[in-house]
Amino acid sequence: MAHKVSKIPFSRVLQYVSCPLKAGFDSIADSYITATDLYVSSVKEGIYTYFTEMAMKQQGVVITKKAVEAFIDNWQANSARIPADHASSLMFYQGHYLMTRVSSFFNPAVDKLVACKFPISLSITSDIILEDVIDVLLIRTEGKKLTYRAIFLEGPNEFDNQRYQKLRSAFFKLALQRHVSAKRKLNFLYESRPVLGQDKVLYPEPHSLNVIRKVVTGVAKAIQSEAVYPTTSKDICKACAYNRICEASLVRNL
């Protein structure tokens, strides 16, 4: 009998730690999104386009225009799935503005694009593999110093969760070290950038592999045993895309 290996997206770890009950809605996840979900996905599409065009050495004005177009295309393709209210309109214009400021993310004199949506994975135990995607991976060269810059574009729930940030920072460094081999010393920089509401960058100190292993193993076992229960946080509940169909949320009458 073949040994069964579970592959767990790191986003699933955040989801379960934030609210285990959300795991039960995975089968209908594509049907329910919030304006924030759409905003984050649209911003990411615009930024992916920006860096891809930059790597092709397009002119700055052309790059910005295509990034804005990618943002608008993704928003318009999915906007029918969210309420057409004042808040969503403000998000649209904020995202449109952000696309004109992506150049502040990097210095083209020293930063070179490796890839957008770069997949990484790490074996946590003999039967659990943790997976994630780096939104933008750059190599920064400063003299003899070589640094891998991993930019993660975050929604509010991810950016404000410090435990999650420390776990993923460690996971990123450990996973990328296994992807890369080089004769000279490599440096790894984890950057968490919010795409909504804040204009700052986090460089969290990573947890150890033992901490990651303990948390992820516990989450995997809980998911496999279908141990689900609602979050105690009203803020998380209020921001959830499923709060109009979730019994726990309806009972709270948020």
Foldseek 3Di string as FASTA:
>chain_A
DDAAADEAELVVLLVCVQFVQVVVCVVVVVLFDELLRLLLVLLLQLLQQLQVVVLVVDDPVVSLVVSLVSSVVSCVVCVVSYDPDPVSVVSNVLSSVVSNVSVVVDDVVFKHWPHAQQKWWDDLDPRYIYIYTQGTWIWGDDPPAIEIEGEDEDEPSQVPDLVSVQAVLQVVVVRVVVVDDDPDDYHYFYWYAYSPDDGDIDGHHHDHSVVNSVSVVVSVVCVVVVPGDTGPDPVSLVNDRCLVPDPVNVVVVD
